[in-house]
C-alpha atoms as a PDB file:
ATOM      1  CA  MET A   1      39.451 -31.035 101.961  1.00  0.00           C
ATOM      2  CA  ASP A   2      40.017 -32.345 105.513  1.00  0.00           C
ATOM      3  CA  PHE A   3      43.298 -30.424 105.575  1.00  0.00           C
ATOM      4  CA  LEU A   4      41.469 -27.160 104.795  1.00  0.00           C
ATOM      5  CA  ARG A   5      38.671 -27.822 107.277  1.00  0.00           C
ATOM      6  CA  GLU A   6      41.169 -28.434 110.049  1.00  0.00           C
ATOM      7  CA  ARG A   7      43.069 -25.217 109.226  1.00  0.00           C
ATOM      8  CA  PRO A   8      40.494 -22.431 108.649  1.00  0.00           C
ATOM      9  CA  ILE A   9      43.118 -19.664 108.684  1.00  0.00           C
ATOM     10  CA  ILE A  10      45.022 -21.248 105.788  1.00  0.00           C
ATOM     11  CA  SER A  11      41.726 -21.676 103.934  1.00  0.00           C
ATOM     12  CA  ILE A  12      40.949 -17.978 104.338  1.00  0.00           C
ATOM     13  CA  LEU A  13      44.423 -16.960 103.156  1.00  0.00           C
ATOM     14  CA  ILE A  14      44.148 -19.179 100.085  1.00  0.00           C
ATOM     15  CA  GLY A  15      40.704 -17.765  99.345  1.00  0.00           C
ATOM     16  CA  VAL A  16      41.939 -14.172  99.675  1.00  0.00           C
ATOM     17  CA  VAL A  17      44.972 -14.744  97.428  1.00  0.00           C
ATOM     18  CA  VAL A  18      42.934 -16.576  94.792  1.00  0.00           C
ATOM     19  CA  GLY A  19      40.208 -13.935  94.892  1.00  0.00           C
ATOM     20  CA  PHE A  20      42.732 -11.105  94.563  1.00  0.00           C
ATOM     21  CA  ALA A  21      44.446 -12.859  91.621  1.00  0.00           C
ATOM     22  CA  ILE A  22      41.122 -13.449  89.866  1.00  0.00           C
ATOM     23  CA  GLY A  23      40.135  -9.822  90.462  1.00  0.00           C
ATOM     24  CA  LEU A  24      43.377  -8.546  88.904  1.00  0.00           C
ATOM     25  CA  LEU A  25      43.083 -10.928  85.958  1.00  0.00           C
ATOM     26  CA  TRP A  26      39.499  -9.889  85.308  1.00  0.00           C
ATOM     27  CA  GLY A  27      40.023  -6.160  85.836  1.00  0.00           C
ATOM     28  CA  TRP A  28      43.226  -5.821  83.804  1.00  0.00           C
ATOM     29  CA  PHE A  29      42.908  -8.397  81.026  1.00  0.00           C
ATOM     30  CA  ILE A  30      39.465 -10.005  80.650  1.00  0.00           C
ATOM     31  CA  ASP A  31      37.241  -6.986  81.177  1.00  0.00           C
ATOM     32  CA  PRO A  32      39.410  -3.919  81.805  1.00  0.00           C
ATOM     33  CA  VAL A  33      37.927  -0.553  82.657  1.00  0.00           C
ATOM     34  CA  GLU A  34      37.201   1.628  79.643  1.00  0.00           C
ATOM     35  CA  TRP A  35      37.170   5.393  80.055  1.00  0.00           C
ATOM     36  CA  THR A  36      34.686   7.452  78.061  1.00  0.00           C
ATOM     37  CA  ASP A  37      34.074  11.196  77.912  1.00  0.00           C
ATOM     38  CA  ALA A  38      37.334  11.904  79.747  1.00  0.00           C
ATOM     39  CA  SER A  39      38.714  15.447  79.729  1.00  0.00           C
ATOM     40  CA  PRO A  40      42.102  16.309  78.141  1.00  0.00           C
ATOM     41  CA  ALA A  41      43.472  16.656  81.671  1.00  0.00           C
ATOM     42  CA  ALA A  42      43.270  12.852  82.011  1.00  0.00           C
ATOM     43  CA  LEU A  43      45.520  12.249  78.988  1.00  0.00           C
ATOM     44  CA  HIS A  44      49.163  11.206  79.089  1.00  0.00           C
ATOM     45  CA  PRO A  45      51.524  14.240  79.013  1.00  0.00           C
ATOM     46  CA  ASP A  46      52.588  13.433  75.446  1.00  0.00           C
ATOM     47  CA  ASP A  47      48.956  13.259  74.333  1.00  0.00           C
ATOM     48  CA  GLN A  48      48.209  16.470  76.207  1.00  0.00           C
ATOM     49  CA  ALA A  49      51.015  18.242  74.309  1.00  0.00           C
ATOM     50  CA  GLN A  50      49.684  16.957  70.995  1.00  0.00           C
ATOM     51  CA  TYR A  51      46.143  18.070  71.863  1.00  0.00           C
ATOM     52  CA  ILE A  52      47.323  21.551  72.888  1.00  0.00           C
ATOM     53  CA  ARG A  53      49.338  22.040  69.699  1.00  0.00           C
ATOM     54  CA  LEU A  54      46.388  20.925  67.539  1.00  0.00           C
ATOM     55  CA  VAL A  55      44.179  23.527  69.228  1.00  0.00           C
ATOM     56  CA  ALA A  56      46.925  26.193  68.863  1.00  0.00           C
ATOM     57  CA  GLU A  57      47.411  25.342  65.183  1.00  0.00           C
ATOM     58  CA  ASN A  58      43.660  25.541  64.595  1.00  0.00           C
ATOM     59  CA  PHE A  59      43.486  28.944  66.311  1.00  0.00           C
ATOM     60  CA  SER A  60      46.427  30.340  64.283  1.00  0.00           C
ATOM     61  CA  GLN A  61      44.527  29.440  61.094  1.00  0.00           C
ATOM     62  CA  GLN A  62      40.956  30.359  62.031  1.00  0.00           C
ATOM     63  CA  GLY A  63      41.410  32.845  64.905  1.00  0.00           C
ATOM     64  CA  ASN A  64      38.256  31.598  66.693  1.00  0.00           C
ATOM     65  CA  THR A  65      38.717  32.260  70.442  1.00  0.00           C
ATOM     66  CA  GLN A  66      35.463  30.476  71.319  1.00  0.00           C
ATOM     67  CA  THR A  67      36.888  27.268  69.877  1.00  0.00           C
ATOM     68  CA  VAL A  68      39.912  27.595  72.185  1.00  0.00           C
ATOM     69  CA  GLN A  69      37.757  28.235  75.242  1.00  0.00           C
ATOM     70  CA  ASN A  70      35.540  25.254  74.444  1.00  0.00           C
ATOM     71  CA  ALA A  71      38.587  23.010  73.932  1.00  0.00           C
ATOM     72  CA  PHE A  72      39.860  23.718  77.450  1.00  0.00           C
ATOM     73  CA  ARG A  73      36.546  24.201  79.278  1.00  0.00           C
ATOM     74  CA  SER A  74      36.920  20.875  81.141  1.00  0.00           C
ATOM     75  CA  TRP A  75      40.613  21.397  81.907  1.00  0.00           C
ATOM     76  CA  PRO A  76      41.148  23.883  84.754  1.00  0.00           C
ATOM     77  CA  GLY A  77      44.695  25.231  84.841  1.00  0.00           C
ATOM     78  CA  ALA A  78      45.428  24.249  81.247  1.00  0.00           C
ATOM     79  CA  ASP A  79      47.243  27.541  80.687  1.00  0.00           C
ATOM     80  CA  ALA A  80      50.065  26.389  83.015  1.00  0.00           C
ATOM     81  CA  THR A  81      50.676  23.313  80.879  1.00  0.00           C
ATOM     82  CA  ILE A  82      50.478  25.396  77.697  1.00  0.00           C
ATOM     83  CA  CYS A  83      53.051  27.897  79.005  1.00  0.00           C
ATOM     84  CA  GLN A  84      55.351  25.086  80.087  1.00  0.00           C
ATOM     85  CA  LEU A  85      55.210  23.660  76.572  1.00  0.00           C
ATOM     86  CA  ALA A  86      55.979  27.134  75.190  1.00  0.00           C
ATOM     87  CA  ALA A  87      59.010  27.464  77.490  1.00  0.00           C
ATOM     88  CA  GLN A  88      60.317  24.065  76.386  1.00  0.00           C
ATOM     89  CA  SER A  89      59.754  24.655  72.675  1.00  0.00           C
ATOM     90  CA  GLN A  90      62.691  25.673  70.444  1.00  0.00           C
ATOM     91  CA  ASP A  91      60.391  26.857  67.648  1.00  0.00           C
ATOM     92  CA  SER A  92      59.551  30.555  67.909  1.00  0.00           C
ATOM     93  CA  ASN A  93      56.370  30.149  65.843  1.00  0.00           C
ATOM     94  CA  ASP A  94      55.259  27.314  68.111  1.00  0.00           C
ATOM     95  CA  GLN A  95      55.975  29.503  71.139  1.00  0.00           C
ATOM     96  CA  GLN A  96      53.861  32.342  69.702  1.00  0.00           C
ATOM     97  CA  ARG A  97      50.915  30.044  68.946  1.00  0.00           C
ATOM     98  CA  LEU A  98      51.025  28.527  72.440  1.00  0.00           C
ATOM     99  CA  THR A  99      51.341  31.936  74.122  1.00  0.00           C
ATOM    100  CA  ALA A 100      48.342  33.210  72.138  1.00  0.00           C
ATOM    101  CA  VAL A 101      46.220  30.274  73.345  1.00  0.00           C
ATOM    102  CA  ALA A 102      47.360  30.848  76.954  1.00  0.00           C
ATOM    103  CA  THR A 103      46.409  34.512  76.646  1.00  0.00           C
ATOM    104  CA  ILE A 104      42.888  33.587  75.615  1.00  0.00           C
ATOM    105  CA  LEU A 105      42.576  31.359  78.698  1.00  0.00           C
ATOM    106  CA  ASN A 106      44.101  33.587  81.389  1.00  0.00           C
ATOM    107  CA  GLY A 107      44.122  37.040  79.781  1.00  0.00           C
ATOM    108  CA  GLN A 108      47.831  37.541  80.517  1.00  0.00           C
ATOM    109  CA  GLY A 109      49.673  35.014  78.427  1.00  0.00           C
ATOM    110  CA  CYS A 110      52.621  33.044  79.790  1.00  0.00           C
ATOM    111  CA  GLY A 111      54.759  33.960  82.794  1.00  0.00           C
ATOM    112  CA  VAL A 112      51.812  33.803  85.281  1.00  0.00           C
ATOM    113  CA  ALA A 113      52.944  32.138  88.494  1.00  0.00           C
ATOM    114  CA  GLY A 114      51.020  29.828  90.802  1.00  0.00           C
ATOM    115  CA  THR A 115      49.646  27.434  88.195  1.00  0.00           C
ATOM    116  CA  THR A 116      49.959  23.664  88.291  1.00  0.00           C
ATOM    117  CA  THR A 117      52.762  21.977  86.367  1.00  0.00           C
ATOM    118  CA  THR A 118      52.196  19.269  83.824  1.00  0.00           C
ATOM    119  CA  GLY A 119      53.717  16.527  85.979  1.00  0.00           C
ATOM    120  CA  GLU A 120      51.570  17.480  88.958  1.00  0.00           C
ATOM    121  CA  ALA A 121      48.403  17.589  86.863  1.00  0.00           C
ATOM    122  CA  THR A 122      49.138  14.210  85.399  1.00  0.00           C
ATOM    123  CA  GLU A 123      49.740  12.660  88.796  1.00  0.00           C
ATOM    124  CA  GLU A 124      46.676  14.270  90.273  1.00  0.00           C
ATOM    125  CA  ASP A 125      44.264  13.683  87.416  1.00  0.00           C
ATOM    126  CA  GLY A 126      45.341  10.513  85.720  1.00  0.00           C
ATOM    127  CA  GLY A 127      48.300   8.993  87.559  1.00  0.00           C
ATOM    128  CA  GLY A 128      46.488   7.551  90.582  1.00  0.00           C
ATOM    129  CA  GLY A 129      45.697   4.136  89.112  1.00  0.00           C
ATOM    130  CA  PHE A 130      48.679   2.315  90.556  1.00  0.00           C
ATOM    131  CA  GLY A 131      48.337   4.172  93.847  1.00  0.00           C
ATOM    132  CA  SER A 132      44.737   3.033  94.136  1.00  0.00           C
ATOM    133  CA  ILE A 133      45.710  -0.578  93.490  1.00  0.00           C
ATOM    134  CA  LEU A 134      48.489  -0.362  96.070  1.00  0.00           C
ATOM    135  CA  PHE A 135      46.095   1.142  98.611  1.00  0.00           C
ATOM    136  CA  LEU A 136      43.540  -1.626  98.021  1.00  0.00           C
ATOM    137  CA  PHE A 137      46.223  -4.268  98.350  1.00  0.00           C
ATOM    138  CA  LEU A 138      47.441  -2.818 101.654  1.00  0.00           C
ATOM    139  CA  LEU A 139      43.854  -2.602 102.865  1.00  0.00           C
ATOM    140  CA  LEU A 140      43.389  -6.255 101.933  1.00  0.00           C
ATOM    141  CA  VAL A 141      46.536  -7.228 103.851  1.00  0.00           C
ATOM    142  CA  VAL A 142      45.293  -5.376 106.939  1.00  0.00           C
ATOM    143  CA  LEU A 143      41.922  -7.106 106.629  1.00  0.00           C
ATOM    144  CA  VAL A 144      43.552 -10.535 106.364  1.00  0.00           C
ATOM    145  CA  ILE A 145      45.731  -9.828 109.408  1.00  0.00           C
ATOM    146  CA  ALA A 146      42.644  -8.731 111.353  1.00  0.00           C
ATOM    147  CA  ILE A 147      40.773 -11.905 110.363  1.00  0.00           C
ATOM    148  CA  ILE A 148      43.733 -14.074 111.362  1.00  0.00           C
ATOM    149  CA  PHE A 149      43.957 -12.273 114.701  1.00  0.00           C
ATOM    150  CA  VAL A 150      40.250 -12.705 115.432  1.00  0.00           C
ATOM    151  CA  LEU A 151      40.269 -16.371 114.401  1.00  0.00           C
ATOM    152  CA  GLY A 152      43.379 -16.967 116.470  1.00  0.00           C
ATOM    153  CA  ARG A 153      41.706 -15.502 119.544  1.00  0.00           C
ATOM    154  CA  ARG A 154      38.572 -17.526 118.834  1.00  0.00           C
ATOM    155  CA  ASN A 155      40.486 -20.767 118.382  1.00  0.00           C
ATOM    156  CA  ALA A 156      42.417 -20.105 121.570  1.00  0.00           C
ATOM    157  CA  ALA A 157      39.169 -19.559 123.456  1.00  0.00           C
ATOM    158  CA  LEU A 158      37.645 -22.698 121.959  1.00  0.00           C
ATOM    159  CA  GLY A 159      40.799 -24.611 122.801  1.00  0.00           C
ATOM    160  CA  ASP A 160      40.547 -23.520 126.454  1.00  0.00           C
ATOM    161  CA  ARG A 161      36.902 -24.446 126.458  1.00  0.00           C
ATOM    162  CA  THR A 162      37.584 -27.853 124.930  1.00  0.00           C
ATOM    163  CA  SER A 163      40.393 -28.401 127.395  1.00  0.00           C
ATOM    164  CA  SER A 164      38.029 -27.600 130.233  1.00  0.00           C
ATOM    165  CA  ARG A 165      35.477 -30.031 128.859  1.00  0.00           C
ATOM    166  CA  SER A 166      38.092 -32.744 128.350  1.00  0.00           C
ATOM    167  CA  SER A 167      39.447 -32.448 131.865  1.00  0.00           C
ATOM    168  CA  TYR A 168      35.916 -32.491 133.180  1.00  0.00           C
ATOM    169  CA  GLU A 169      35.059 -35.627 131.207  1.00  0.00           C
ATOM    170  CA  GLU A 170      37.803 -37.514 132.981  1.00  0.00           C
ATOM    171  CA  VAL A 171      35.667 -37.589 136.146  1.00  0.00           C
ATOM    172  CA  PRO A 172      34.313 -41.137 136.651  1.00  0.00           C
ATOM    173  CA  GLU A 173      30.694 -41.274 135.657  1.00  0.00           C
ATOM    174  CA  THR A 174      28.659 -43.839 137.588  1.00  0.00           C
ATOM    175  CA  GLY A 175      28.389 -45.861 140.741  1.00  0.00           C
ATOM    176  CA  PRO A 176      29.609 -45.345 144.290  1.00  0.00           C
ATOM    177  CA  VAL A 177      33.040 -46.699 143.325  1.00  0.00           C
ATOM    178  CA  ALA A 178      33.699 -43.317 141.715  1.00  0.00           C
ATOM    179  CA  SER A 179      35.052 -42.001 145.016  1.00  0.00           C
ATOM    180  CA  ALA A 180      38.017 -43.003 147.092  1.00  0.00           C
ATOM    181  CA  GLY A 181      36.271 -44.702 150.004  1.00  0.00           C
ATOM    182  CA  ALA A 182      33.431 -46.162 148.010  1.00  0.00           C
ATOM    183  CA  ALA A 183      34.912 -49.604 147.618  1.00  0.00           C
ATOM    184  CA  ASN A 184      33.459 -50.398 151.062  1.00  0.00           C
ATOM    185  CA  ALA A 185      29.911 -49.371 150.076  1.00  0.00           C
ATOM    186  CA  THR A 186      27.003 -51.803 149.992  1.00  0.00           C
ATOM    187  CA  ALA A 187      26.332 -53.562 146.688  1.00  0.00           C
ATOM    188  CA  VAL A 188      22.883 -52.013 146.209  1.00  0.00           C
ATOM    189  CA  PRO A 189      21.540 -48.574 147.120  1.00  0.00           C
ATOM    190  CA  ILE A 190      19.554 -48.312 150.327  1.00  0.00           C
ATOM    191  CA  ALA A 191      17.282 -45.695 148.776  1.00  0.00           C
ATOM    192  CA  ARG A 192      16.443 -44.024 145.493  1.00  0.00           C
ATOM    193  CA  PHE A 193      14.694 -40.698 144.938  1.00  0.00           C
ATOM    194  CA  ARG A 194      13.599 -38.956 141.764  1.00  0.00           C
ATOM    195  CA  THR A 195      12.882 -35.250 141.489  1.00  0.00           C
ATOM    196  CA  THR A 196      11.967 -33.082 138.502  1.00  0.00           C
ATOM    197  CA  TYR A 197      12.300 -29.335 138.085  1.00  0.00           C
ATOM    198  CA  THR A 198      10.062 -27.597 135.538  1.00  0.00           C
ATOM    199  CA  ARG A 199      10.427 -23.926 134.638  1.00  0.00           C
ATOM    200  CA  GLY A 200       7.939 -21.905 136.631  1.00  0.00           C
ATOM    201  CA  HIS A 201       8.535 -23.829 139.874  1.00  0.00           C
ATOM    202  CA  ASP A 202      10.450 -20.924 141.427  1.00  0.00           C
ATOM    203  CA  ALA A 203      10.349 -22.443 144.941  1.00  0.00           C
ATOM    204  CA  TYR A 204      11.862 -25.728 143.790  1.00  0.00           C
ATOM    205  CA  ASP A 205      13.796 -27.318 146.689  1.00  0.00           C
ATOM    206  CA  ASP A 206      13.247 -31.075 147.126  1.00  0.00           C
ATOM    207  CA  SER A 207      14.784 -32.943 150.063  1.00  0.00           C
ATOM    208  CA  PHE A 208      14.634 -36.615 151.056  1.00  0.00           C
ATOM    209  CA  SER A 209      15.307 -38.498 154.264  1.00  0.00           C
ATOM    210  CA  ILE A 210      17.771 -41.398 154.002  1.00  0.00           C
ATOM    211  CA  GLU A 211      16.900 -44.407 156.179  1.00  0.00           C
ATOM    212  CA  ASN A 212      18.038 -48.011 156.261  1.00  0.00           C
ATOM    213  CA  ALA A 213      15.677 -50.991 156.111  1.00  0.00           C
ATOM    214  CA  SER A 214      15.253 -50.848 159.873  1.00  0.00           C
ATOM    215  CA  GLY A 215      13.969 -47.280 159.667  1.00  0.00           C
ATOM    216  CA  ASP A 216      17.064 -45.749 161.234  1.00  0.00           C
ATOM    217  CA  PHE A 217      17.707 -42.169 160.123  1.00  0.00           C
ATOM    218  CA  LEU A 218      21.054 -41.901 158.311  1.00  0.00           C
ATOM    219  CA  GLY A 219      20.925 -38.452 156.748  1.00  0.00           C
ATOM    220  CA  GLU A 220      19.286 -36.323 154.087  1.00  0.00           C
ATOM    221  CA  CYS A 221      19.861 -35.355 150.466  1.00  0.00           C
ATOM    222  CA  GLY A 222      18.182 -33.079 147.999  1.00  0.00           C
ATOM    223  CA  VAL A 223      18.238 -30.696 145.039  1.00  0.00           C
ATOM    224  CA  GLY A 224      17.372 -26.988 144.923  1.00  0.00           C
ATOM    225  CA  ILE A 225      17.811 -23.862 142.838  1.00  0.00           C
ATOM    226  CA  SER A 226      21.269 -22.348 143.209  1.00  0.00           C
ATOM    227  CA  GLU A 227      21.334 -19.466 140.703  1.00  0.00           C
ATOM    228  CA  SER A 228      19.076 -17.823 138.115  1.00  0.00           C
ATOM    229  CA  LEU A 229      19.646 -15.209 135.419  1.00  0.00           C
ATOM    230  CA  GLY A 230      17.971 -11.829 135.439  1.00  0.00           C
ATOM    231  CA  SER A 231      14.952 -10.846 137.506  1.00  0.00           C
ATOM    232  CA  ASP A 232      12.257 -12.254 135.248  1.00  0.00           C
ATOM    233  CA  ALA A 233       9.364 -14.298 136.525  1.00  0.00           C
ATOM    234  CA  PRO A 234       9.385 -17.210 136.239  1.00  0.00           C
ATOM    235  CA  LYS A 235      13.062 -17.598 137.129  1.00  0.00           C
ATOM    236  CA  ASN A 236      15.598 -18.489 134.491  1.00  0.00           C
ATOM    237  CA  VAL A 237      17.419 -21.150 136.497  1.00  0.00           C
ATOM    238  CA  THR A 238      21.026 -21.626 135.388  1.00  0.00           C
ATOM    239  CA  ALA A 239      22.375 -23.796 138.255  1.00  0.00           C
ATOM    240  CA  PHE A 240      21.151 -26.296 140.878  1.00  0.00           C
ATOM    241  CA  GLU A 241      22.588 -27.413 144.220  1.00  0.00           C
ATOM    242  CA  VAL A 242      22.771 -31.134 144.914  1.00  0.00           C
ATOM    243  CA  TRP A 243      23.554 -31.739 148.603  1.00  0.00           C
ATOM    244  CA  LEU A 244      24.117 -34.564 151.076  1.00  0.00           C
ATOM    245  CA  PHE A 245      23.850 -34.442 154.895  1.00  0.00           C
ATOM    246  CA  ASP A 246      25.255 -37.329 156.957  1.00  0.00           C
ATOM    247  CA  LYS A 247      24.347 -37.594 160.657  1.00  0.00           C
ATOM    248  CA  ASN A 248      27.773 -39.151 161.253  1.00  0.00           C
ATOM    249  CA  ASP A 249      29.644 -36.313 159.518  1.00  0.00           C
ATOM    250  CA  ILE A 250      29.877 -32.682 160.527  1.00  0.00           C
ATOM    251  CA  ARG A 251      29.915 -31.606 156.868  1.00  0.00           C
ATOM    252  CA  THR A 252      27.116 -31.074 154.366  1.00  0.00           C
ATOM    253  CA  ILE A 253      28.528 -31.844 150.919  1.00  0.00           C
ATOM    254  CA  THR A 254      27.222 -29.674 148.072  1.00  0.00           C
ATOM    255  CA  LYS A 255      27.896 -29.694 144.342  1.00  0.00           C
ATOM    256  CA  VAL A 256      26.628 -27.112 141.874  1.00  0.00           C
ATOM    257  CA  VAL A 257      25.187 -28.476 138.626  1.00  0.00           C
ATOM    258  CA  MET A 258      25.471 -25.708 136.022  1.00  0.00           C
ATOM    259  CA  SER A 259      24.136 -24.997 132.550  1.00  0.00           C
ATOM    260  CA  ASP A 260      26.566 -24.929 129.636  1.00  0.00           C
ATOM    261  CA  HIS A 261      26.546 -21.119 129.601  1.00  0.00           C
ATOM    262  CA  ALA A 262      27.100 -20.800 133.350  1.00  0.00           C
ATOM    263  CA  PHE A 263      29.847 -23.432 133.463  1.00  0.00           C
ATOM    264  CA  PHE A 264      31.949 -21.510 130.935  1.00  0.00           C
ATOM    265  CA  ASP A 265      31.137 -18.021 132.252  1.00  0.00           C
ATOM    266  CA  ASP A 266      33.912 -16.838 134.575  1.00  0.00           C
ATOM    267  CA  ALA A 267      31.706 -14.316 136.384  1.00  0.00           C
ATOM    268  CA  ILE A 268      28.998 -16.861 137.254  1.00  0.00           C
ATOM    269  CA  LYS A 269      31.579 -19.475 138.260  1.00  0.00           C
ATOM    270  CA  ALA A 270      33.287 -16.994 140.574  1.00  0.00           C
ATOM    271  CA  LYS A 271      29.934 -16.072 142.146  1.00  0.00           C
ATOM    272  CA  LEU A 272      29.086 -19.722 142.861  1.00  0.00           C
ATOM    273  CA  ALA A 273      32.607 -20.824 143.802  1.00  0.00           C
ATOM    274  CA  THR A 274      31.887 -20.874 147.561  1.00  0.00           C
ATOM    275  CA  LYS A 275      28.824 -23.089 147.231  1.00  0.00           C
ATOM    276  CA  GLY A 276      30.680 -26.236 146.236  1.00  0.00           C
ATOM    277  CA  GLU A 277      32.346 -28.118 143.398  1.00  0.00           C
ATOM    278  CA  GLN A 278      30.990 -27.039 140.031  1.00  0.00           C
ATOM    279  CA  VAL A 279      29.747 -29.628 137.548  1.00  0.00           C
ATOM    280  CA  LEU A 280      28.519 -29.269 133.959  1.00  0.00           C
ATOM    281  CA  ALA A 281      24.962 -30.555 133.521  1.00  0.00           C
ATOM    282  CA  ARG A 282      24.763 -33.271 130.871  1.00  0.00           C
ATOM    283  CA  GLU A 283      22.096 -35.861 130.293  1.00  0.00           C
ATOM    284  CA  GLY A 284      23.303 -39.192 131.690  1.00  0.00           C
ATOM    285  CA  GLU A 285      25.939 -37.493 133.866  1.00  0.00           C
ATOM    286  CA  THR A 286      26.361 -38.811 137.414  1.00  0.00           C
ATOM    287  CA  ILE A 287      27.409 -36.458 140.221  1.00  0.00           C
ATOM    288  CA  VAL A 288      28.992 -38.240 143.197  1.00  0.00           C
ATOM    289  CA  LEU A 289      28.753 -36.904 146.764  1.00  0.00           C
ATOM    290  CA  GLU A 290      30.471 -38.728 149.633  1.00  0.00           C
ATOM    291  CA  THR A 291      30.541 -38.260 153.396  1.00  0.00           C
ATOM    292  CA  ALA A 292      31.871 -40.359 156.246  1.00  0.00           C
ATOM    293  CA  SER A 293      29.225 -43.066 155.944  1.00  0.00           C
ATOM    294  CA  LEU A 294      27.100 -42.229 152.897  1.00  0.00           C
ATOM    295  CA  ILE A 295      27.492 -41.909 149.138  1.00  0.00           C
ATOM    296  CA  ILE A 296      25.002 -40.270 146.793  1.00  0.00           C
ATOM    297  CA  ASN A 297      25.018 -40.753 143.028  1.00  0.00           C
ATOM    298  CA  ALA A 298      22.901 -37.966 141.503  1.00  0.00           C
ATOM    299  CA  GLU A 299      22.233 -38.826 137.871  1.00  0.00           C
ATOM    300  CA  VAL A 300      20.830 -36.336 135.374  1.00  0.00           C
ATOM    301  CA  MET A 301      18.146 -38.523 133.814  1.00  0.00           C
ATOM    302  CA  ASP A 302      16.691 -35.928 131.453  1.00  0.00           C
ATOM    303  CA  MET A 303      17.234 -32.247 130.752  1.00  0.00           C
ATOM    304  CA  GLN A 304      16.066 -29.600 128.339  1.00  0.00           C
ATOM    305  CA  TYR A 305      17.243 -26.019 127.956  1.00  0.00           C
ATOM    306  CA  GLY A 306      14.854 -23.120 127.606  1.00  0.00           C
ATOM    307  CA  ALA A 307      14.669 -21.442 124.200  1.00  0.00           C
ATOM    308  CA  GLY A 308      13.833 -17.992 122.897  1.00  0.00           C
ATOM    309  CA  GLY A 309      14.039 -14.688 124.710  1.00  0.00           C
ATOM    310  CA  THR A 310      17.109 -12.501 125.046  1.00  0.00           C
ATOM    311  CA  LEU A 311      19.208 -14.874 127.140  1.00  0.00           C
ATOM    312  CA  PRO A 312      22.208 -16.718 125.650  1.00  0.00           C
ATOM    313  CA  PRO A 313      21.596 -20.228 124.273  1.00  0.00           C
ATOM    314  CA  GLN A 314      21.863 -23.132 126.740  1.00  0.00           C
ATOM    315  CA  SER A 315      21.832 -20.695 129.651  1.00  0.00           C
ATOM    316  CA  HIS A 316      18.694 -21.725 131.575  1.00  0.00           C
ATOM    317  CA  PHE A 317      16.751 -24.936 132.094  1.00  0.00           C
ATOM    318  CA  GLU A 318      13.235 -25.704 130.923  1.00  0.00           C
ATOM    319  CA  THR A 319      13.155 -29.012 132.750  1.00  0.00           C
ATOM    320  CA  VAL A 320      15.615 -31.314 134.563  1.00  0.00           C
ATOM    321  CA  THR A 321      15.094 -34.707 136.221  1.00  0.00           C
ATOM    322  CA  PHE A 322      17.535 -36.010 138.829  1.00  0.00           C
ATOM    323  CA  GLU A 323      17.670 -39.511 140.287  1.00  0.00           C
ATOM    324  CA  LEU A 324      19.453 -39.740 143.663  1.00  0.00           C
ATOM    325  CA  SER A 325      20.761 -43.153 144.706  1.00  0.00           C
ATOM    326  CA  ALA A 326      22.021 -43.504 148.296  1.00  0.00           C
ATOM    327  CA  TRP A 327      24.610 -46.012 149.452  1.00  0.00           C
ATOM    328  CA  ALA A 328      25.746 -46.716 153.009  1.00  0.00           C
ATOM    329  CA  LYS A 329      29.387 -47.590 153.484  1.00  0.00           C
ATOM    330  CA  GLU A 330      30.075 -50.945 155.106  1.00  0.00           C
ATOM    331  CA  GLY A 331      31.643 -50.745 158.517  1.00  0.00           C
ATOM    332  CA  SER A 332      30.084 -47.363 159.204  1.00  0.00           C
ATOM    333  CA  GLY A 333      27.348 -48.835 161.383  1.00  0.00           C
ATOM    334  CA  SER A 334      24.630 -47.342 159.225  1.00  0.00           C
ATOM    335  CA  SER A 335      23.984 -49.925 156.545  1.00  0.00           C
ATOM    336  CA  GLY A 336      21.878 -52.262 158.648  1.00  0.00           C
ATOM    337  CA  GLY A 337      23.896 -55.319 157.522  1.00  0.00           C
ATOM    338  CA  ALA A 338      23.226 -57.907 154.844  1.00  0.00           C
ATOM    339  CA  ASP A 339      19.567 -58.311 155.854  1.00  0.00           C
ATOM    340  CA  ASP A 340      18.958 -54.618 155.012  1.00  0.00           C
ATOM    341  CA  MET A 341      20.461 -55.125 151.584  1.00  0.00           C
ATOM    342  CA  MET A 342      18.246 -58.117 150.880  1.00  0.00           C
ATOM    343  CA  ASN A 343      15.108 -56.377 152.202  1.00  0.00           C
ATOM    344  CA  PHE A 344      15.603 -53.429 149.868  1.00  0.00           C
END
């Protein structure tokens, strides 16, 4: 069973083959189709010839033209088959009887051109069974190929998505040591801030001043709305900006924390590409920002996606809580020394 679950395409193929085999077994042997009230035109050519000769023999004995007309009422073009039988017959009496029946049907007897031959009538009226089965089989093959193609495309897309997730998960998760220069950071954060976004807070943009124990200003950090979907009110926020400003660094570092839908949507990612490194929002995930003298660990403490509406699932946030922990790198002149660490 694990083998089949891991290979859905093979499972579908096996199901199609088994289903087709069961259908043939049932339709041809267990409960075959039974024809009732069929016209003589649906008979095998040999049976058609026998039927025609029985009618001709009856007419030669009783001379009832109405009986002949009734016998061929449901068989358009029967006179062509009758005349063909007359042409093939070596018995002159048989030819006369058949010609008489044809005359009753077409008023001219045999020799009338433009009528359908026996072989054509048989193929048209009763010989399409195998052709129908062949057509259904070919249709089934096309359907299977289409399913395999769609599943292949889907699996390829899921594989790319999984690959993207896997490569993303390799990013170190917690602590200032997640970045290259963080080994020189202080052992404990010099500040912690917690901020919560709740849907409906369309002006959400929290910022916090980072100071050491002596009250010296070191920089700022914060979280704000980066992108929303649609023009509804309240906003359907799909991405946040987490940023860090360091007074000793000319740069302001920004990372974009995105919903699951936004992170795997190429159009949204391209739109937000210039704002900063893009990160998938996950509960417990830590986003690391580092400048010349500061490090911020922004941890997603709690998150909940919005539900309902016409937007895709996991596309906008109902609520998110971030905790920002600030570290000062040792040797940067901003940590305040060991006494600052102890006072915190």
